[in-house]
PDB file of N, CA and C in Angstrom:
ATOM      1  N   MET A   1     -50.539 -17.220 -30.791  1.00  0.00           N
ATOM      2  CA  MET A   1     -49.711 -18.379 -31.120  1.00  0.00           C
ATOM      3  C   MET A   1     -48.386 -18.298 -30.257  1.00  0.00           C
ATOM      4  N   ASN A   2     -48.061 -19.398 -29.688  1.00  0.00           N
ATOM      5  CA  ASN A   2     -46.820 -19.519 -28.859  1.00  0.00           C
ATOM      6  C   ASN A   2     -45.666 -19.867 -29.781  1.00  0.00           C
ATOM      7  N   LYS A   3     -44.956 -18.906 -30.324  1.00  0.00           N
ATOM      8  CA  LYS A   3     -43.872 -19.144 -31.254  1.00  0.00           C
ATOM      9  C   LYS A   3     -42.767 -19.976 -30.701  1.00  0.00           C
ATOM     10  N   GLN A   4     -42.410 -19.763 -29.446  1.00  0.00           N
ATOM     11  CA  GLN A   4     -41.352 -20.510 -28.766  1.00  0.00           C
ATOM     12  C   GLN A   4     -41.674 -22.020 -28.738  1.00  0.00           C
ATOM     13  N   GLU A   5     -42.890 -22.336 -28.363  1.00  0.00           N
ATOM     14  CA  GLU A   5     -43.270 -23.773 -28.289  1.00  0.00           C
ATOM     15  C   GLU A   5     -43.390 -24.386 -29.683  1.00  0.00           C
ATOM     16  N   LEU A   6     -43.858 -23.588 -30.652  1.00  0.00           N
ATOM     17  CA  LEU A   6     -43.935 -24.033 -32.030  1.00  0.00           C
ATOM     18  C   LEU A   6     -42.572 -24.338 -32.590  1.00  0.00           C
ATOM     19  N   ASP A   7     -41.544 -23.480 -32.306  1.00  0.00           N
ATOM     20  CA  ASP A   7     -40.185 -23.718 -32.779  1.00  0.00           C
ATOM     21  C   ASP A   7     -39.628 -24.966 -32.119  1.00  0.00           C
ATOM     22  N   LYS A   8     -39.926 -25.198 -30.854  1.00  0.00           N
ATOM     23  CA  LYS A   8     -39.469 -26.408 -30.146  1.00  0.00           C
ATOM     24  C   LYS A   8     -40.066 -27.656 -30.774  1.00  0.00           C
ATOM     25  N   LEU A   9     -41.347 -27.562 -31.121  1.00  0.00           N
ATOM     26  CA  LEU A   9     -42.054 -28.717 -31.757  1.00  0.00           C
ATOM     27  C   LEU A   9     -41.415 -29.036 -33.084  1.00  0.00           C
ATOM     28  N   VAL A  10     -41.199 -28.005 -33.902  1.00  0.00           N
ATOM     29  CA  VAL A  10     -40.659 -28.192 -35.269  1.00  0.00           C
ATOM     30  C   VAL A  10     -39.218 -28.842 -35.147  1.00  0.00           C
ATOM     31  N   ASP A  11     -38.423 -28.368 -34.159  1.00  0.00           N
ATOM     32  CA  ASP A  11     -37.081 -28.942 -33.942  1.00  0.00           C
ATOM     33  C   ASP A  11     -37.241 -30.445 -33.576  1.00  0.00           C
ATOM     34  N   GLU A  12     -38.171 -30.751 -32.699  1.00  0.00           N
ATOM     35  CA  GLU A  12     -38.339 -32.144 -32.273  1.00  0.00           C
ATOM     36  C   GLU A  12     -38.748 -33.002 -33.448  1.00  0.00           C
ATOM     37  N   ILE A  13     -39.685 -32.523 -34.240  1.00  0.00           N
ATOM     38  CA  ILE A  13     -40.188 -33.289 -35.407  1.00  0.00           C
ATOM     39  C   ILE A  13     -39.030 -33.499 -36.373  1.00  0.00           C
ATOM     40  N   HIS A  14     -38.205 -32.495 -36.617  1.00  0.00           N
ATOM     41  CA  HIS A  14     -37.068 -32.596 -37.479  1.00  0.00           C
ATOM     42  C   HIS A  14     -36.096 -33.622 -36.955  1.00  0.00           C
ATOM     43  N   GLU A  15     -35.829 -33.633 -35.665  1.00  0.00           N
ATOM     44  CA  GLU A  15     -34.893 -34.629 -35.077  1.00  0.00           C
ATOM     45  C   GLU A  15     -35.401 -36.030 -35.266  1.00  0.00           C
ATOM     46  N   VAL A  16     -36.667 -36.262 -35.111  1.00  0.00           N
ATOM     47  CA  VAL A  16     -37.312 -37.605 -35.346  1.00  0.00           C
ATOM     48  C   VAL A  16     -37.122 -37.981 -36.831  1.00  0.00           C
ATOM     49  N   SER A  17     -37.384 -37.047 -37.711  1.00  0.00           N
ATOM     50  CA  SER A  17     -37.382 -37.373 -39.170  1.00  0.00           C
ATOM     51  C   SER A  17     -35.991 -37.752 -39.697  1.00  0.00           C
ATOM     52  N   ILE A  18     -34.906 -37.162 -38.970  1.00  0.00           N
ATOM     53  CA  ILE A  18     -33.544 -37.556 -39.415  1.00  0.00           C
ATOM     54  C   ILE A  18     -32.978 -38.643 -38.579  1.00  0.00           C
ATOM     55  N   GLY A  19     -33.703 -39.142 -37.600  1.00  0.00           N
ATOM     56  CA  GLY A  19     -33.264 -40.315 -36.849  1.00  0.00           C
ATOM     57  C   GLY A  19     -32.518 -40.024 -35.588  1.00  0.00           C
ATOM     58  N   HIS A  20     -32.434 -38.760 -35.121  1.00  0.00           N
ATOM     59  CA  HIS A  20     -31.740 -38.421 -33.921  1.00  0.00           C
ATOM     60  C   HIS A  20     -32.579 -38.554 -32.658  1.00  0.00           C
ATOM     61  N   ARG A  21     -33.841 -38.765 -32.852  1.00  0.00           N
ATOM     62  CA  ARG A  21     -34.802 -38.899 -31.740  1.00  0.00           C
ATOM     63  C   ARG A  21     -35.755 -39.963 -32.112  1.00  0.00           C
ATOM     64  N   GLY A  22     -36.313 -40.654 -31.138  1.00  0.00           N
ATOM     65  CA  GLY A  22     -37.139 -41.778 -31.358  1.00  0.00           C
ATOM     66  C   GLY A  22     -38.654 -41.411 -31.598  1.00  0.00           C
ATOM     67  N   TRP A  23     -39.176 -40.404 -30.905  1.00  0.00           N
ATOM     68  CA  TRP A  23     -40.497 -40.037 -31.011  1.00  0.00           C
ATOM     69  C   TRP A  23     -40.699 -38.590 -30.577  1.00  0.00           C
ATOM     70  N   VAL A  24     -41.855 -38.063 -30.978  1.00  0.00           N
ATOM     71  CA  VAL A  24     -42.253 -36.665 -30.602  1.00  0.00           C
ATOM     72  C   VAL A  24     -43.645 -36.715 -29.996  1.00  0.00           C
ATOM     73  N   SER A  25     -43.933 -35.952 -28.980  1.00  0.00           N
ATOM     74  CA  SER A  25     -45.239 -35.917 -28.376  1.00  0.00           C
ATOM     75  C   SER A  25     -46.166 -34.953 -29.220  1.00  0.00           C
ATOM     76  N   LEU A  26     -47.323 -35.455 -29.571  1.00  0.00           N
ATOM     77  CA  LEU A  26     -48.291 -34.692 -30.419  1.00  0.00           C
ATOM     78  C   LEU A  26     -49.637 -34.653 -29.667  1.00  0.00           C
ATOM     79  N   THR A  27     -49.671 -34.249 -28.494  1.00  0.00           N
ATOM     80  CA  THR A  27     -50.892 -34.266 -27.649  1.00  0.00           C
ATOM     81  C   THR A  27     -51.776 -33.044 -28.034  1.00  0.00           C
ATOM     82  N   LYS A  28     -53.068 -33.206 -27.671  1.00  0.00           N
ATOM     83  CA  LYS A  28     -54.019 -32.105 -27.845  1.00  0.00           C
ATOM     84  C   LYS A  28     -53.649 -30.952 -26.983  1.00  0.00           C
ATOM     85  N   ALA A  29     -53.113 -31.217 -25.754  1.00  0.00           N
ATOM     86  CA  ALA A  29     -52.713 -30.105 -24.901  1.00  0.00           C
ATOM     87  C   ALA A  29     -51.577 -29.312 -25.514  1.00  0.00           C
ATOM     88  N   ARG A  30     -50.682 -30.017 -26.176  1.00  0.00           N
ATOM     89  CA  ARG A  30     -49.549 -29.271 -26.783  1.00  0.00           C
ATOM     90  C   ARG A  30     -50.034 -28.438 -27.965  1.00  0.00           C
ATOM     91  N   ALA A  31     -51.012 -28.946 -28.699  1.00  0.00           N
ATOM     92  CA  ALA A  31     -51.569 -28.189 -29.797  1.00  0.00           C
ATOM     93  C   ALA A  31     -52.242 -26.917 -29.281  1.00  0.00           C
ATOM     94  N   LYS A  32     -52.972 -27.097 -28.171  1.00  0.00           N
ATOM     95  CA  LYS A  32     -53.667 -25.939 -27.530  1.00  0.00           C
ATOM     96  C   LYS A  32     -52.619 -24.943 -27.034  1.00  0.00           C
ATOM     97  N   LEU A  33     -51.570 -25.390 -26.464  1.00  0.00           N
ATOM     98  CA  LEU A  33     -50.520 -24.494 -25.908  1.00  0.00           C
ATOM     99  C   LEU A  33     -49.912 -23.705 -27.078  1.00  0.00           C
ATOM    100  N   ILE A  34     -49.705 -24.306 -28.261  1.00  0.00           N
ATOM    101  CA  ILE A  34     -49.141 -23.607 -29.378  1.00  0.00           C
ATOM    102  C   ILE A  34     -50.215 -22.671 -30.014  1.00  0.00           C
ATOM    103  N   GLY A  35     -51.414 -23.049 -29.942  1.00  0.00           N
ATOM    104  CA  GLY A  35     -52.525 -22.231 -30.474  1.00  0.00           C
ATOM    105  C   GLY A  35     -52.965 -22.713 -31.839  1.00  0.00           C
ATOM    106  N   ILE A  36     -52.899 -24.013 -32.069  1.00  0.00           N
ATOM    107  CA  ILE A  36     -53.324 -24.553 -33.392  1.00  0.00           C
ATOM    108  C   ILE A  36     -54.237 -25.779 -33.078  1.00  0.00           C
ATOM    109  N   SER A  37     -54.960 -26.257 -34.077  1.00  0.00           N
ATOM    110  CA  SER A  37     -55.787 -27.406 -33.875  1.00  0.00           C
ATOM    111  C   SER A  37     -54.942 -28.711 -33.819  1.00  0.00           C
ATOM    112  N   HIS A  38     -55.538 -29.683 -33.208  1.00  0.00           N
ATOM    113  CA  HIS A  38     -54.780 -30.972 -33.102  1.00  0.00           C
ATOM    114  C   HIS A  38     -54.573 -31.604 -34.485  1.00  0.00           C
ATOM    115  N   GLU A  39     -55.577 -31.444 -35.315  1.00  0.00           N
ATOM    116  CA  GLU A  39     -55.430 -31.975 -36.722  1.00  0.00           C
ATOM    117  C   GLU A  39     -54.242 -31.341 -37.453  1.00  0.00           C
ATOM    118  N   LEU A  40     -54.060 -29.996 -37.251  1.00  0.00           N
ATOM    119  CA  LEU A  40     -52.932 -29.313 -37.886  1.00  0.00           C
ATOM    120  C   LEU A  40     -51.628 -29.796 -37.298  1.00  0.00           C
ATOM    121  N   LEU A  41     -51.564 -30.050 -36.045  1.00  0.00           N
ATOM    122  CA  LEU A  41     -50.396 -30.588 -35.399  1.00  0.00           C
ATOM    123  C   LEU A  41     -50.019 -31.921 -36.015  1.00  0.00           C
ATOM    124  N   LEU A  42     -51.005 -32.856 -36.132  1.00  0.00           N
ATOM    125  CA  LEU A  42     -50.736 -34.125 -36.705  1.00  0.00           C
ATOM    126  C   LEU A  42     -50.318 -33.993 -38.168  1.00  0.00           C
ATOM    127  N   GLY A  43     -50.910 -33.037 -38.914  1.00  0.00           N
ATOM    128  CA  GLY A  43     -50.571 -32.798 -40.317  1.00  0.00           C
ATOM    129  C   GLY A  43     -49.137 -32.308 -40.478  1.00  0.00           C
ATOM    130  N   CYS A  44     -48.696 -31.497 -39.495  1.00  0.00           N
ATOM    131  CA  CYS A  44     -47.282 -31.015 -39.609  1.00  0.00           C
ATOM    132  C   CYS A  44     -46.336 -32.210 -39.451  1.00  0.00           C
ATOM    133  N   ALA A  45     -46.644 -33.131 -38.552  1.00  0.00           N
ATOM    134  CA  ALA A  45     -45.761 -34.267 -38.400  1.00  0.00           C
ATOM    135  C   ALA A  45     -45.807 -35.162 -39.636  1.00  0.00           C
ATOM    136  N   LYS A  46     -46.951 -35.310 -40.270  1.00  0.00           N
ATOM    137  CA  LYS A  46     -47.105 -36.212 -41.405  1.00  0.00           C
ATOM    138  C   LYS A  46     -46.347 -35.636 -42.646  1.00  0.00           C
ATOM    139  N   VAL A  47     -46.233 -34.278 -42.712  1.00  0.00           N
ATOM    140  CA  VAL A  47     -45.426 -33.632 -43.769  1.00  0.00           C
ATOM    141  C   VAL A  47     -43.974 -34.105 -43.732  1.00  0.00           C
ATOM    142  N   TYR A  48     -43.489 -34.314 -42.534  1.00  0.00           N
ATOM    143  CA  TYR A  48     -42.078 -34.787 -42.309  1.00  0.00           C
ATOM    144  C   TYR A  48     -41.941 -36.283 -42.461  1.00  0.00           C
ATOM    145  N   GLY A  49     -43.079 -36.974 -42.811  1.00  0.00           N
ATOM    146  CA  GLY A  49     -43.017 -38.421 -43.014  1.00  0.00           C
ATOM    147  C   GLY A  49     -43.174 -39.215 -41.812  1.00  0.00           C
ATOM    148  N   LEU A  50     -43.687 -38.668 -40.714  1.00  0.00           N
ATOM    149  CA  LEU A  50     -43.908 -39.409 -39.495  1.00  0.00           C
ATOM    150  C   LEU A  50     -45.265 -40.093 -39.438  1.00  0.00           C
ATOM    151  N   GLU A  51     -45.294 -41.161 -38.734  1.00  0.00           N
ATOM    152  CA  GLU A  51     -46.540 -41.898 -38.479  1.00  0.00           C
ATOM    153  C   GLU A  51     -47.110 -41.324 -37.122  1.00  0.00           C
ATOM    154  N   CYS A  52     -48.374 -40.987 -37.104  1.00  0.00           N
ATOM    155  CA  CYS A  52     -48.998 -40.416 -35.911  1.00  0.00           C
ATOM    156  C   CYS A  52     -49.974 -41.479 -35.424  1.00  0.00           C
ATOM    157  N   GLU A  53     -49.786 -41.903 -34.172  1.00  0.00           N
ATOM    158  CA  GLU A  53     -50.622 -42.961 -33.550  1.00  0.00           C
ATOM    159  C   GLU A  53     -50.982 -42.548 -32.157  1.00  0.00           C
ATOM    160  N   PRO A  54     -52.205 -42.962 -31.718  1.00  0.00           N
ATOM    161  CA  PRO A  54     -52.638 -42.684 -30.379  1.00  0.00           C
ATOM    162  C   PRO A  54     -51.653 -43.421 -29.426  1.00  0.00           C
ATOM    163  N   HIS A  55     -51.391 -42.828 -28.289  1.00  0.00           N
ATOM    164  CA  HIS A  55     -50.486 -43.406 -27.268  1.00  0.00           C
ATOM    165  C   HIS A  55     -51.075 -43.137 -25.882  1.00  0.00           C
ATOM    166  N   GLY A  56     -51.466 -44.224 -25.214  1.00  0.00           N
ATOM    167  CA  GLY A  56     -52.091 -44.051 -23.903  1.00  0.00           C
ATOM    168  C   GLY A  56     -53.475 -43.536 -23.978  1.00  0.00           C
ATOM    169  N   ARG A  57     -53.960 -42.947 -22.945  1.00  0.00           N
ATOM    170  CA  ARG A  57     -55.338 -42.506 -22.949  1.00  0.00           C
ATOM    171  C   ARG A  57     -55.587 -41.207 -23.684  1.00  0.00           C
ATOM    172  N   MET A  58     -54.705 -40.211 -23.558  1.00  0.00           N
ATOM    173  CA  MET A  58     -54.922 -38.901 -24.124  1.00  0.00           C
ATOM    174  C   MET A  58     -53.836 -38.457 -25.089  1.00  0.00           C
ATOM    175  N   GLY A  59     -52.784 -39.218 -25.262  1.00  0.00           N
ATOM    176  CA  GLY A  59     -51.675 -38.723 -25.981  1.00  0.00           C
ATOM    177  C   GLY A  59     -51.581 -39.290 -27.419  1.00  0.00           C
ATOM    178  N   TRP A  60     -50.745 -38.628 -28.183  1.00  0.00           N
ATOM    179  CA  TRP A  60     -50.445 -39.065 -29.564  1.00  0.00           C
ATOM    180  C   TRP A  60     -48.938 -38.973 -29.702  1.00  0.00           C
ATOM    181  N   THR A  61     -48.359 -39.825 -30.522  1.00  0.00           N
ATOM    182  CA  THR A  61     -46.909 -39.796 -30.756  1.00  0.00           C
ATOM    183  C   THR A  61     -46.667 -39.780 -32.220  1.00  0.00           C
ATOM    184  N   GLY A  62     -45.539 -39.217 -32.601  1.00  0.00           N
ATOM    185  CA  GLY A  62     -45.090 -39.245 -34.003  1.00  0.00           C
ATOM    186  C   GLY A  62     -43.702 -40.013 -34.069  1.00  0.00           C
ATOM    187  N   THR A  63     -43.643 -41.022 -34.929  1.00  0.00           N
ATOM    188  CA  THR A  63     -42.466 -41.787 -35.061  1.00  0.00           C
ATOM    189  C   THR A  63     -42.151 -42.067 -36.555  1.00  0.00           C
ATOM    190  N   LEU A  64     -40.983 -42.495 -36.825  1.00  0.00           N
ATOM    191  CA  LEU A  64     -40.696 -42.879 -38.197  1.00  0.00           C
ATOM    192  C   LEU A  64     -41.386 -44.205 -38.507  1.00  0.00           C
ATOM    193  N   PRO A  65     -41.878 -44.436 -39.752  1.00  0.00           N
ATOM    194  CA  PRO A  65     -42.485 -45.690 -40.080  1.00  0.00           C
ATOM    195  C   PRO A  65     -41.462 -46.834 -39.976  1.00  0.00           C
ATOM    196  N   ALA A  66     -41.953 -47.967 -39.547  1.00  0.00           N
ATOM    197  CA  ALA A  66     -41.046 -49.121 -39.405  1.00  0.00           C
ATOM    198  C   ALA A  66     -40.652 -49.755 -40.665  1.00  0.00           C
TER     199      ALA A  66
END
């Protein structure tokens, strides 16, 4: 597991959840880099209250619900 990338992801998710950032990238490649499944990555974002939606051809984003 890539702890440094995981810490960066958690910081970005937290920034989105408090409104200091607009979105966070939740791609399958990022999940693979961290060493977790994509479903777990999306689940982590949902715990913080983010909406996870497909974006583009291969990407996913997490944003606050409108």
